[in-house]
């Protein structure tokens, strides 16, 4: 099934920033669960790509004058996701690397979720 990224983007951008960040955090949680179990590789790979889009779209709504540190964090996460994507075959096949990916995904999920809570309050 092909994803229509334009429709997804339109729906994503209609949500408030806290909801957008919750969607990103949920993707990271899903990546963490799949990486821990080593199952559904193609789903995990899709979630990495979708998360990259979520970051790209979320940055559009960030006030760089007041939230530059958070924007910088998102750039760091984007780089991490890009590294995962580029080395995907080796990463997924290596149990230790996949477990490290799971740990990092959970850490980033916690950071993103914390920022979303700040925005919601």
C-alpha atoms as a PDB file:
ATOM      1  CA  UNK A   1       0.000   0.000   0.000  1.00  0.00           C
ATOM      2  CA  UNK A   2       1.463   3.321  -1.055  1.00  0.00           C
ATOM      3  CA  UNK A   3       1.363   6.287   1.301  1.00  0.00           C
ATOM      4  CA  UNK A   4       0.086   9.604   0.001  1.00  0.00           C
ATOM      5  CA  UNK A   5       2.543  11.876   1.800  1.00  0.00           C
ATOM      6  CA  UNK A   6       0.686  15.028   0.721  1.00  0.00           C
ATOM      7  CA  UNK A   7      -2.513  13.910   2.452  1.00  0.00           C
ATOM      8  CA  UNK A   8      -0.589  12.821   5.545  1.00  0.00           C
ATOM      9  CA  UNK A   9       1.204  16.179   5.633  1.00  0.00           C
ATOM     10  CA  UNK A  10      -2.054  18.118   5.362  1.00  0.00           C
ATOM     11  CA  UNK A  11      -3.577  16.114   8.213  1.00  0.00           C
ATOM     12  CA  UNK A  12      -0.433  16.433  10.331  1.00  0.00           C
ATOM     13  CA  UNK A  13      -0.239  20.196   9.882  1.00  0.00           C
ATOM     14  CA  UNK A  14      -3.885  20.615  10.910  1.00  0.00           C
ATOM     15  CA  UNK A  15      -3.052  19.286  14.392  1.00  0.00           C
ATOM     16  CA  UNK A  16      -1.635  21.522  17.110  1.00  0.00           C
ATOM     17  CA  UNK A  17       2.065  21.289  17.896  1.00  0.00           C
ATOM     18  CA  UNK A  18       1.562  19.163  21.022  1.00  0.00           C
ATOM     19  CA  UNK A  19      -0.419  16.610  19.003  1.00  0.00           C
ATOM     20  CA  UNK A  20       2.202  16.640  16.259  1.00  0.00           C
ATOM     21  CA  UNK A  21       4.900  15.870  18.816  1.00  0.00           C
ATOM     22  CA  UNK A  22       2.762  13.128  20.333  1.00  0.00           C
ATOM     23  CA  UNK A  23       2.560  11.518  16.877  1.00  0.00           C
ATOM     24  CA  UNK A  24       6.339  11.639  16.584  1.00  0.00           C
ATOM     25  CA  UNK A  25       6.765  10.213  20.088  1.00  0.00           C
ATOM     26  CA  UNK A  26       4.325   7.406  19.291  1.00  0.00           C
ATOM     27  CA  UNK A  27       6.323   6.511  16.179  1.00  0.00           C
ATOM     28  CA  UNK A  28       9.498   6.394  18.258  1.00  0.00           C
ATOM     29  CA  UNK A  29       7.787   4.101  20.767  1.00  0.00           C
ATOM     30  CA  UNK A  30       6.703   1.810  17.947  1.00  0.00           C
ATOM     31  CA  UNK A  31      10.245   1.762  16.556  1.00  0.00           C
ATOM     32  CA  UNK A  32      11.552   0.909  20.027  1.00  0.00           C
ATOM     33  CA  UNK A  33       9.113  -2.008  20.438  1.00  0.00           C
ATOM     34  CA  UNK A  34       9.829  -3.427  16.987  1.00  0.00           C
ATOM     35  CA  UNK A  35      13.591  -3.059  17.379  1.00  0.00           C
ATOM     36  CA  UNK A  36      13.526  -4.815  20.775  1.00  0.00           C
ATOM     37  CA  UNK A  37      11.582  -7.733  19.330  1.00  0.00           C
ATOM     38  CA  UNK A  38      13.316  -7.782  15.954  1.00  0.00           C
ATOM     39  CA  UNK A  39       9.951  -8.136  14.224  1.00  0.00           C
ATOM     40  CA  UNK A  40       8.249  -6.319  11.370  1.00  0.00           C
ATOM     41  CA  UNK A  41      11.393  -4.825   9.882  1.00  0.00           C
ATOM     42  CA  UNK A  42       9.540  -3.167   7.004  1.00  0.00           C
ATOM     43  CA  UNK A  43       7.101  -1.500   9.419  1.00  0.00           C
ATOM     44  CA  UNK A  44       9.988  -0.208  11.545  1.00  0.00           C
ATOM     45  CA  UNK A  45      11.741   1.105   8.453  1.00  0.00           C
ATOM     46  CA  UNK A  46       8.551   2.874   7.345  1.00  0.00           C
ATOM     47  CA  UNK A  47       8.168   4.443  10.807  1.00  0.00           C
ATOM     48  CA  UNK A  48      11.696   5.843  10.589  1.00  0.00           C
ATOM     49  CA  UNK A  49      10.862   7.490   7.256  1.00  0.00           C
ATOM     50  CA  UNK A  50       7.510   8.770   8.506  1.00  0.00           C
ATOM     51  CA  UNK A  51       9.203  10.193  11.606  1.00  0.00           C
ATOM     52  CA  UNK A  52      11.622  12.068   9.375  1.00  0.00           C
ATOM     53  CA  UNK A  53       8.667  13.673   7.626  1.00  0.00           C
ATOM     54  CA  UNK A  54       7.011  14.473  10.973  1.00  0.00           C
ATOM     55  CA  UNK A  55      10.148  16.304  12.083  1.00  0.00           C
ATOM     56  CA  UNK A  56      10.409  18.193   8.804  1.00  0.00           C
ATOM     57  CA  UNK A  57       6.781  19.273   9.090  1.00  0.00           C
ATOM     58  CA  UNK A  58       6.913  20.059  12.831  1.00  0.00           C
ATOM     59  CA  UNK A  59       9.827  22.426  12.365  1.00  0.00           C
ATOM     60  CA  UNK A  60       7.587  24.629  10.226  1.00  0.00           C
ATOM     61  CA  UNK A  61       5.609  25.552  13.341  1.00  0.00           C
ATOM     62  CA  UNK A  62       8.489  26.168  15.729  1.00  0.00           C
ATOM     63  CA  UNK A  63       9.289  29.717  16.745  1.00  0.00           C
ATOM     64  CA  UNK A  64      13.051  29.780  16.237  1.00  0.00           C
ATOM     65  CA  UNK A  65      13.422  32.894  18.369  1.00  0.00           C
ATOM     66  CA  UNK A  66      12.024  31.198  21.466  1.00  0.00           C
ATOM     67  CA  UNK A  67      12.505  27.476  20.792  1.00  0.00           C
ATOM     68  CA  UNK A  68      15.881  27.261  19.056  1.00  0.00           C
ATOM     69  CA  UNK A  69      17.141  24.631  21.512  1.00  0.00           C
ATOM     70  CA  UNK A  70      14.189  22.366  20.758  1.00  0.00           C
ATOM     71  CA  UNK A  71      14.572  22.925  17.012  1.00  0.00           C
ATOM     72  CA  UNK A  72      18.221  21.949  17.381  1.00  0.00           C
ATOM     73  CA  UNK A  73      17.158  18.778  19.208  1.00  0.00           C
ATOM     74  CA  UNK A  74      14.869  17.889  16.328  1.00  0.00           C
ATOM     75  CA  UNK A  75      17.735  18.382  13.884  1.00  0.00           C
ATOM     76  CA  UNK A  76      19.822  15.977  15.984  1.00  0.00           C
ATOM     77  CA  UNK A  77      17.002  13.430  15.920  1.00  0.00           C
ATOM     78  CA  UNK A  78      16.662  13.893  12.171  1.00  0.00           C
ATOM     79  CA  UNK A  79      20.386  13.114  11.771  1.00  0.00           C
ATOM     80  CA  UNK A  80      20.025   9.978  13.900  1.00  0.00           C
ATOM     81  CA  UNK A  81      17.073   8.758  11.863  1.00  0.00           C
ATOM     82  CA  UNK A  82      19.052   9.422   8.669  1.00  0.00           C
ATOM     83  CA  UNK A  83      21.966   7.344   9.964  1.00  0.00           C
ATOM     84  CA  UNK A  84      19.570   4.527  10.794  1.00  0.00           C
ATOM     85  CA  UNK A  85      18.000   4.714   7.356  1.00  0.00           C
ATOM     86  CA  UNK A  86      21.339   4.722   5.535  1.00  0.00           C
ATOM     87  CA  UNK A  87      22.681   1.707   7.435  1.00  0.00           C
ATOM     88  CA  UNK A  88      19.370  -0.073   7.812  1.00  0.00           C
ATOM     89  CA  UNK A  89      20.281  -3.574   6.586  1.00  0.00           C
ATOM     90  CA  UNK A  90      23.321  -3.857   8.830  1.00  0.00           C
ATOM     91  CA  UNK A  91      21.564  -2.180  11.747  1.00  0.00           C
ATOM     92  CA  UNK A  92      18.522  -4.431  11.704  1.00  0.00           C
ATOM     93  CA  UNK A  93      20.551  -7.620  11.233  1.00  0.00           C
ATOM     94  CA  UNK A  94      22.817  -6.878  14.215  1.00  0.00           C
ATOM     95  CA  UNK A  95      21.111  -7.657  17.533  1.00  0.00           C
ATOM     96  CA  UNK A  96      23.324  -5.347  19.610  1.00  0.00           C
ATOM     97  CA  UNK A  97      22.891  -2.428  17.208  1.00  0.00           C
ATOM     98  CA  UNK A  98      19.160  -3.007  17.025  1.00  0.00           C
ATOM     99  CA  UNK A  99      18.924  -2.987  20.835  1.00  0.00           C
ATOM    100  CA  UNK A 100      20.914   0.253  20.901  1.00  0.00           C
ATOM    101  CA  UNK A 101      18.469   1.673  18.367  1.00  0.00           C
ATOM    102  CA  UNK A 102      15.591   0.654  20.646  1.00  0.00           C
ATOM    103  CA  UNK A 103      17.198   2.390  23.618  1.00  0.00           C
ATOM    104  CA  UNK A 104      17.845   5.572  21.645  1.00  0.00           C
ATOM    105  CA  UNK A 105      14.306   5.564  20.251  1.00  0.00           C
ATOM    106  CA  UNK A 106      12.916   5.356  23.792  1.00  0.00           C
ATOM    107  CA  UNK A 107      15.184   8.154  25.024  1.00  0.00           C
ATOM    108  CA  UNK A 108      14.113  10.396  22.157  1.00  0.00           C
ATOM    109  CA  UNK A 109      10.476   9.481  22.729  1.00  0.00           C
ATOM    110  CA  UNK A 110      10.784  10.628  26.347  1.00  0.00           C
ATOM    111  CA  UNK A 111      12.386  13.924  25.263  1.00  0.00           C
ATOM    112  CA  UNK A 112       9.765  14.604  22.604  1.00  0.00           C
ATOM    113  CA  UNK A 113       6.935  13.643  24.926  1.00  0.00           C
ATOM    114  CA  UNK A 114       8.289  15.993  27.598  1.00  0.00           C
ATOM    115  CA  UNK A 115       8.386  18.870  25.110  1.00  0.00           C
ATOM    116  CA  UNK A 116       4.839  18.068  24.018  1.00  0.00           C
ATOM    117  CA  UNK A 117       3.678  18.256  27.640  1.00  0.00           C
ATOM    118  CA  UNK A 118       5.326  21.668  27.995  1.00  0.00           C
ATOM    119  CA  UNK A 119       3.488  22.900  24.913  1.00  0.00           C
ATOM    120  CA  UNK A 120       0.165  21.517  26.108  1.00  0.00           C
ATOM    121  CA  UNK A 121       0.380  23.279  29.484  1.00  0.00           C
END
